[in-house]
Amino acid sequence: MSKFILAIAGAAVALTAAPGGARTYVCTHWHDGVCISAHHVKGTPPPFATGYVFGQSYAYTPYSALPRPLVSYYNLDANSRYVYSNGYLYVVDPTTWAVTRVIDTFPH
């Protein structure tokens, strides 16, 4: 009986452990819509969540500077504001200045 309990405990630990090769990368530099430089992050969530307010005076990323594949894939439009930081693209409502979408720009 104790061997059975020990085996169940070992299986539970094995199932909760993260796979050794699982890594998360974020794009740090784009060229012609292609990620050419990325760095490893330790699976941290985006620093800003939906609802976070950047404010009117924040230095937003121009729509024209967004990579074209992202614009077409996520149906982004010129009427919103955007913040591109640490591999995440934040879509900001221009009337409330709050984040409406958080997009992880590095493909997994």
N, C-alpha and C. Protein backbone atom coordinates (compact mmCIF):
# COMPACT_ATOMS: atom_id res chain seq x y z
N MET A 1 0.81 -1.19 0.00
CA MET A 1 0.00 0.00 0.00
C MET A 1 0.86 1.26 0.00
N SER A 2 1.95 1.26 0.81
CA SER A 2 2.80 2.44 0.86
C SER A 2 3.52 2.66 -0.47
N LYS A 3 3.85 1.57 -1.18
CA LYS A 3 4.47 1.71 -2.50
C LYS A 3 3.50 2.34 -3.49
N PHE A 4 2.22 1.99 -3.38
CA PHE A 4 1.21 2.56 -4.26
C PHE A 4 1.07 4.07 -4.02
N ILE A 5 1.02 4.48 -2.76
CA ILE A 5 0.90 5.90 -2.43
C ILE A 5 2.15 6.66 -2.89
N LEU A 6 3.31 6.05 -2.69
CA LEU A 6 4.55 6.67 -3.13
C LEU A 6 4.59 6.81 -4.65
N ALA A 7 4.09 5.82 -5.37
CA ALA A 7 4.04 5.88 -6.83
C ALA A 7 3.09 6.98 -7.30
N ILE A 8 1.95 7.13 -6.65
CA ILE A 8 0.99 8.18 -7.01
C ILE A 8 1.60 9.55 -6.75
N ALA A 9 2.29 9.72 -5.62
CA ALA A 9 2.93 11.00 -5.31
C ALA A 9 4.01 11.33 -6.34
N GLY A 10 4.79 10.33 -6.74
CA GLY A 10 5.82 10.56 -7.76
C GLY A 10 5.23 10.94 -9.09
N ALA A 11 4.12 10.32 -9.47
CA ALA A 11 3.46 10.66 -10.73
C ALA A 11 2.91 12.08 -10.68
N ALA A 12 2.39 12.48 -9.54
CA ALA A 12 1.86 13.84 -9.41
C ALA A 12 2.96 14.88 -9.56
N VAL A 13 4.12 14.62 -8.97
CA VAL A 13 5.25 15.53 -9.10
C VAL A 13 5.72 15.58 -10.55
N ALA A 14 5.78 14.45 -11.21
CA ALA A 14 6.22 14.41 -12.60
C ALA A 14 5.26 15.15 -13.52
N LEU A 15 3.97 15.08 -13.24
CA LEU A 15 3.00 15.76 -14.09
C LEU A 15 2.99 17.27 -13.88
N THR A 16 3.38 17.74 -12.70
CA THR A 16 3.35 19.18 -12.44
C THR A 16 4.63 19.87 -12.83
N ALA A 17 5.70 19.14 -13.05
CA ALA A 17 6.97 19.74 -13.42
C ALA A 17 6.92 20.22 -14.87
N ALA A 18 7.54 21.35 -15.11
CA ALA A 18 7.59 21.89 -16.48
C ALA A 18 8.58 21.08 -17.30
N PRO A 19 8.29 20.89 -18.59
CA PRO A 19 9.23 20.16 -19.43
C PRO A 19 10.58 20.87 -19.51
N GLY A 20 11.65 20.12 -19.55
CA GLY A 20 12.98 20.70 -19.53
C GLY A 20 13.28 21.58 -20.74
N GLY A 21 12.75 21.27 -21.90
CA GLY A 21 13.05 22.04 -23.09
C GLY A 21 12.08 23.17 -23.36
N ALA A 22 11.10 23.38 -22.51
CA ALA A 22 10.12 24.43 -22.74
C ALA A 22 10.72 25.79 -22.40
N ARG A 23 10.82 26.64 -23.40
CA ARG A 23 11.36 27.99 -23.21
C ARG A 23 10.46 28.98 -23.90
N THR A 24 10.41 30.18 -23.36
CA THR A 24 9.62 31.24 -23.97
C THR A 24 10.57 32.32 -24.46
N TYR A 25 10.38 32.74 -25.69
CA TYR A 25 11.19 33.79 -26.29
C TYR A 25 10.29 34.94 -26.71
N VAL A 26 10.82 36.15 -26.66
CA VAL A 26 10.10 37.31 -27.17
C VAL A 26 10.96 38.00 -28.21
N CYS A 27 10.31 38.55 -29.21
CA CYS A 27 11.01 39.22 -30.28
C CYS A 27 11.49 40.59 -29.81
N THR A 28 12.74 40.91 -30.09
CA THR A 28 13.28 42.21 -29.70
C THR A 28 13.58 43.10 -30.89
N HIS A 29 13.62 42.52 -32.10
CA HIS A 29 13.90 43.33 -33.28
C HIS A 29 13.25 42.71 -34.51
N TRP A 30 12.51 43.55 -35.24
CA TRP A 30 11.82 43.12 -36.46
C TRP A 30 12.48 43.76 -37.67
N HIS A 31 12.48 43.05 -38.80
CA HIS A 31 12.93 43.62 -40.07
C HIS A 31 12.02 43.10 -41.18
N ASP A 32 11.34 44.00 -41.85
CA ASP A 32 10.38 43.66 -42.91
C ASP A 32 9.35 42.64 -42.44
N GLY A 33 8.88 42.82 -41.21
CA GLY A 33 7.83 41.95 -40.69
C GLY A 33 8.29 40.60 -40.20
N VAL A 34 9.62 40.39 -40.13
CA VAL A 34 10.16 39.11 -39.68
C VAL A 34 10.98 39.35 -38.42
N CYS A 35 10.77 38.52 -37.42
CA CYS A 35 11.55 38.62 -36.19
C CYS A 35 12.97 38.13 -36.46
N ILE A 36 13.95 39.02 -36.26
CA ILE A 36 15.34 38.63 -36.54
C ILE A 36 16.17 38.54 -35.27
N SER A 37 15.62 38.96 -34.13
CA SER A 37 16.35 38.87 -32.88
C SER A 37 15.36 38.62 -31.75
N ALA A 38 15.65 37.63 -30.93
CA ALA A 38 14.77 37.30 -29.83
C ALA A 38 15.60 36.96 -28.60
N HIS A 39 14.97 37.05 -27.43
CA HIS A 39 15.66 36.65 -26.21
C HIS A 39 14.76 35.78 -25.35
N HIS A 40 15.39 34.98 -24.53
CA HIS A 40 14.70 34.02 -23.67
C HIS A 40 14.14 34.74 -22.44
N VAL A 41 12.90 34.46 -22.11
CA VAL A 41 12.30 34.95 -20.87
C VAL A 41 11.85 33.74 -20.07
N LYS A 42 11.69 33.91 -18.79
CA LYS A 42 11.37 32.78 -17.92
C LYS A 42 9.88 32.61 -17.71
N GLY A 43 9.10 32.75 -18.76
CA GLY A 43 7.68 32.48 -18.68
C GLY A 43 6.89 33.49 -17.87
N THR A 44 7.42 34.69 -17.76
CA THR A 44 6.70 35.71 -17.01
C THR A 44 5.52 36.23 -17.82
N PRO A 45 4.44 36.57 -17.16
CA PRO A 45 3.30 37.12 -17.87
C PRO A 45 3.59 38.54 -18.34
N PRO A 46 2.78 39.07 -19.24
CA PRO A 46 3.01 40.44 -19.70
C PRO A 46 2.93 41.41 -18.52
N PRO A 47 3.76 42.45 -18.52
CA PRO A 47 3.76 43.37 -17.38
C PRO A 47 2.47 44.18 -17.24
N PHE A 48 1.74 44.37 -18.34
CA PHE A 48 0.50 45.14 -18.28
C PHE A 48 -0.65 44.25 -18.75
N ALA A 49 -1.74 44.26 -18.04
CA ALA A 49 -2.89 43.43 -18.38
C ALA A 49 -4.00 44.28 -19.01
N THR A 50 -5.01 43.60 -19.52
CA THR A 50 -6.17 44.29 -20.07
C THR A 50 -6.77 45.17 -18.99
N GLY A 51 -7.06 46.40 -19.36
CA GLY A 51 -7.63 47.35 -18.41
C GLY A 51 -6.61 48.34 -17.87
N TYR A 52 -5.32 48.03 -18.02
CA TYR A 52 -4.29 48.97 -17.55
C TYR A 52 -4.38 50.25 -18.38
N VAL A 53 -4.25 51.40 -17.74
CA VAL A 53 -4.36 52.69 -18.43
C VAL A 53 -2.97 53.29 -18.59
N PHE A 54 -2.54 53.46 -19.85
CA PHE A 54 -1.24 54.07 -20.13
C PHE A 54 -1.31 55.59 -20.01
N GLY A 55 -2.44 56.18 -20.38
CA GLY A 55 -2.59 57.62 -20.29
C GLY A 55 -2.34 58.31 -21.62
N GLN A 56 -2.76 59.53 -21.69
CA GLN A 56 -2.71 60.29 -22.94
C GLN A 56 -1.29 60.72 -23.31
N SER A 57 -0.44 60.93 -22.33
CA SER A 57 0.90 61.45 -22.61
C SER A 57 1.94 60.36 -22.85
N TYR A 58 1.54 59.09 -22.87
CA TYR A 58 2.48 57.99 -23.07
C TYR A 58 3.03 58.02 -24.50
N ALA A 59 4.26 57.59 -24.70
CA ALA A 59 4.88 57.56 -26.04
C ALA A 59 4.43 56.28 -26.75
N TYR A 60 3.37 56.35 -27.53
CA TYR A 60 2.81 55.18 -28.20
C TYR A 60 3.60 54.82 -29.45
N THR A 61 3.54 53.55 -29.82
CA THR A 61 4.18 53.07 -31.05
C THR A 61 3.31 53.47 -32.23
N PRO A 62 3.87 54.13 -33.23
CA PRO A 62 3.06 54.53 -34.39
C PRO A 62 2.52 53.30 -35.14
N TYR A 63 1.33 53.44 -35.68
CA TYR A 63 0.71 52.36 -36.45
C TYR A 63 1.61 51.96 -37.61
N SER A 64 2.25 52.93 -38.24
CA SER A 64 3.11 52.65 -39.39
C SER A 64 4.36 51.85 -39.01
N ALA A 65 4.73 51.84 -37.74
CA ALA A 65 5.92 51.10 -37.30
C ALA A 65 5.62 49.65 -36.93
N LEU A 66 4.35 49.27 -36.90
CA LEU A 66 3.99 47.90 -36.55
C LEU A 66 4.32 46.96 -37.72
N PRO A 67 4.81 45.78 -37.43
CA PRO A 67 5.10 44.82 -38.50
C PRO A 67 3.82 44.45 -39.26
N ARG A 68 3.89 44.50 -40.58
CA ARG A 68 2.71 44.26 -41.44
C ARG A 68 2.05 42.89 -41.17
N PRO A 69 2.82 41.82 -40.93
CA PRO A 69 2.14 40.54 -40.65
C PRO A 69 1.26 40.60 -39.39
N LEU A 70 1.71 41.33 -38.38
CA LEU A 70 0.88 41.48 -37.18
C LEU A 70 -0.39 42.27 -37.47
N VAL A 71 -0.24 43.34 -38.25
CA VAL A 71 -1.39 44.19 -38.58
C VAL A 71 -2.45 43.39 -39.31
N SER A 72 -2.05 42.59 -40.28
CA SER A 72 -3.03 41.84 -41.05
C SER A 72 -3.58 40.65 -40.27
N TYR A 73 -2.73 39.93 -39.53
CA TYR A 73 -3.18 38.75 -38.81
C TYR A 73 -4.15 39.10 -37.68
N TYR A 74 -3.88 40.17 -36.95
CA TYR A 74 -4.73 40.55 -35.82
C TYR A 74 -5.74 41.65 -36.17
N ASN A 75 -5.85 41.98 -37.44
CA ASN A 75 -6.80 43.00 -37.90
C ASN A 75 -6.67 44.30 -37.12
N LEU A 76 -5.46 44.80 -37.03
CA LEU A 76 -5.21 46.06 -36.32
C LEU A 76 -5.55 47.22 -37.23
N ASP A 77 -6.04 48.31 -36.63
CA ASP A 77 -6.42 49.46 -37.45
C ASP A 77 -5.72 50.72 -36.94
N ALA A 78 -5.69 51.72 -37.78
CA ALA A 78 -4.98 52.97 -37.47
C ALA A 78 -5.69 53.81 -36.42
N ASN A 79 -6.92 53.49 -36.07
CA ASN A 79 -7.67 54.30 -35.11
C ASN A 79 -7.30 54.00 -33.66
N SER A 80 -6.69 52.86 -33.38
CA SER A 80 -6.29 52.51 -32.02
C SER A 80 -4.89 53.04 -31.74
N ARG A 81 -4.49 52.97 -30.50
CA ARG A 81 -3.12 53.29 -30.09
C ARG A 81 -2.44 51.97 -29.75
N TYR A 82 -1.11 51.94 -29.90
CA TYR A 82 -0.37 50.71 -29.68
C TYR A 82 0.87 50.96 -28.85
N VAL A 83 1.18 49.99 -27.99
CA VAL A 83 2.42 50.01 -27.21
C VAL A 83 3.10 48.67 -27.50
N TYR A 84 4.31 48.74 -28.04
CA TYR A 84 5.07 47.52 -28.31
C TYR A 84 6.22 47.49 -27.33
N SER A 85 6.22 46.53 -26.41
CA SER A 85 7.23 46.48 -25.37
C SER A 85 7.51 45.03 -24.97
N ASN A 86 8.78 44.67 -24.93
CA ASN A 86 9.23 43.35 -24.47
C ASN A 86 8.52 42.18 -25.13
N GLY A 87 8.25 42.28 -26.41
CA GLY A 87 7.63 41.18 -27.13
C GLY A 87 6.12 41.14 -27.05
N TYR A 88 5.52 42.09 -26.39
CA TYR A 88 4.06 42.16 -26.30
C TYR A 88 3.58 43.42 -27.00
N LEU A 89 2.46 43.28 -27.70
CA LEU A 89 1.81 44.42 -28.33
C LEU A 89 0.52 44.68 -27.57
N TYR A 90 0.40 45.88 -27.04
CA TYR A 90 -0.79 46.27 -26.28
C TYR A 90 -1.64 47.16 -27.16
N VAL A 91 -2.90 46.78 -27.36
CA VAL A 91 -3.85 47.59 -28.13
C VAL A 91 -4.58 48.45 -27.13
N VAL A 92 -4.54 49.78 -27.35
CA VAL A 92 -5.08 50.73 -26.39
C VAL A 92 -6.24 51.49 -27.02
N ASP A 93 -7.34 51.58 -26.29
CA ASP A 93 -8.51 52.35 -26.73
C ASP A 93 -8.16 53.84 -26.65
N PRO A 94 -8.28 54.60 -27.77
CA PRO A 94 -7.88 56.00 -27.75
C PRO A 94 -8.82 56.91 -26.94
N THR A 95 -9.98 56.43 -26.57
CA THR A 95 -10.89 57.28 -25.77
C THR A 95 -10.69 57.09 -24.28
N THR A 96 -10.40 55.87 -23.83
CA THR A 96 -10.22 55.61 -22.40
C THR A 96 -8.75 55.43 -22.03
N TRP A 97 -7.87 55.24 -23.01
CA TRP A 97 -6.44 55.02 -22.84
C TRP A 97 -6.15 53.72 -22.07
N ALA A 98 -7.10 52.80 -22.10
CA ALA A 98 -6.95 51.52 -21.41
C ALA A 98 -6.61 50.42 -22.40
N VAL A 99 -5.85 49.43 -21.96
CA VAL A 99 -5.47 48.29 -22.79
C VAL A 99 -6.71 47.42 -23.04
N THR A 100 -6.98 47.14 -24.32
CA THR A 100 -8.12 46.28 -24.67
C THR A 100 -7.68 44.88 -25.09
N ARG A 101 -6.45 44.76 -25.61
CA ARG A 101 -5.92 43.46 -26.02
C ARG A 101 -4.43 43.40 -25.72
N VAL A 102 -3.95 42.22 -25.34
CA VAL A 102 -2.52 41.98 -25.16
C VAL A 102 -2.15 40.86 -26.12
N ILE A 103 -1.21 41.14 -27.02
CA ILE A 103 -0.81 40.19 -28.05
C ILE A 103 0.65 39.80 -27.84
N ASP A 104 0.90 38.51 -27.67
CA ASP A 104 2.27 37.99 -27.59
C ASP A 104 2.77 37.89 -29.02
N THR A 105 3.76 38.68 -29.40
CA THR A 105 4.17 38.77 -30.80
C THR A 105 5.13 37.69 -31.24
N PHE A 106 5.65 36.90 -30.31
CA PHE A 106 6.59 35.86 -30.74
C PHE A 106 5.82 34.56 -30.95
N PRO A 107 5.95 33.93 -32.12
CA PRO A 107 5.23 32.70 -32.37
C PRO A 107 5.76 31.56 -31.49
N HIS A 108 4.85 30.75 -31.01
CA HIS A 108 5.22 29.62 -30.14
C HIS A 108 5.13 28.34 -30.89
